[in-house]
Amino acid sequence: MTSHDNLRPALFADRDGTIIAEVEYLSDPDGVFLIPGAAGALRAFADAGYAIVIVTNQSGIARGFYTEDDYQRVNARVLKLLADEGVAVDGVYHCPHHPSVNGLCDCRKPGTGMYLQAAGDLGLDVRRSIFVGDRRRDTDPALALGGRGILVRTGHGRGEVAGPEIGVAEDLADVAAQILPLDTPDRRK
């Protein structure tokens, strides 16, 4: 039996509107742009011992707006831009479904399927993890799994209501400033 003390916490981050600029139904890698400060924040969380996991709903696949191959090309571009900034992503999980096309699934956020899969695959403690995104569906899994949810005001976040149990930050850099100790390498710069 594995002790939770031996499991790493994760920063579970939504992709569109949180790490990269929001583009509706993004299918072209040339449309990928990192939100300023996002890479530095992810790097700071990794330096502090968090696994970096991207968790994203991609209903455009189910709706026929783009293909799984298109998604994979965009994902490769995101990972390349992050790697160029010194960020190693531990895992990427996506839900290609939409209830109107595929019916209900356990992976579509706010469902917990992708988070639980990542926890099993990567040896993560969801109770010590941070769940960040620009929509409540990105942060609400924290309530179900016992982690900490933080709504960022990038992407769709300005129009979302956080609620008393969800934290609020301007962007991923602000999340890092709120969570991480002041002496992490990224904060000393």
Foldseek 3Di string as FASTA:
>chain_A
DDDQVPFFAAAEEEPDQAQWDHDPLDQDLVRTDGDPPNLLLQVLCVLVGHAYEYEYERCCCLVVVYHPVSVVVNVVSSQVVSVVVVHDHPYYYYHNHDCVRPNDDQRPFVHCVVVVVCCVVRVHQLLDYEFEYLEVSRFVVCVVRNHAYEHECTHNNVVYDQDPRHHYAPGSNRVSVVPPDCPGPSNVD
